[in-house]
């Protein structure tokens, strides 16, 4: 077949946007393309024949675009400079070989979380180049939906329990302890349901059980108060004034006048009950 142009507008599979929103990146027809918002040309970063490149993700620092490529015959993680001019970094994702999904950059642009068809969640330190297993979902059909903490030290994600219900987990990439974070890293937000149950069989799909979900927040530090701590409006009672406050009060009632203070001027004051002296 001779080389020819193909309109790939209807073949877009995945997309992401640059940190400043100046360009967007798309997967289309097995190629990775960046498109300007207004001015400039569309760039084909891969321009490969007989190779499938998938799932592009733009790094937060704007420098790299990560995607999966089967150029070697098995899928690996490739990192291309955002302008397509530099050398492509190629990182093997280890054994056994698999099919990979949803590369998710850490905020510091040094790590990437992703999942595979074997129900595993991984993260990769770009400099070390070695995949680290985070967790495994016990049942098929679930998405981990990983999100990074603002300091790039934690991954929050969801997976199913043995009961088939979903739960939220947090994995520390430095402490090795096992959504969305707020920008200050103080709280973790997620949706949950208290009335969800096991799904009915596909043959009974018409009998759907209504499920409600609410927003929840977890406080991530022991020195912080809950955003949803109980509150109560109470009447404020003014405490009684002390004796010192009474003497200083301008409207305090005066004591009765002393008897001597009421005598005519010049008359000697005597003690109560003593007769006056003769001169």
Foldseek 3Di string as FASTA:
>chain_A
DDDDDDDFPVFWDDKDAALVRQWIWTFTPQWIWIGGPPDDDIDTLPPDPPKHWDAWDAANVRFWIWIWICPVVATWIWIAGPRSPDDIDTAHADPDTFAKDDWDAQNVRQKTWIATQQQWIWMAGNVVRYIDTQDGAPDPDDDFPWDAALVRQKIWTWHADPQRAIDIKIAGPVVRDMQYADNVRFKHKDKDWPPDHDADDPVVVVPDDDTDIDMDMDGPDPVDDDPPPDDDDDDDDDDDDDPVVLVPDPPRDDDDDDPVVPDDPPDDDDDPPDDDDDD
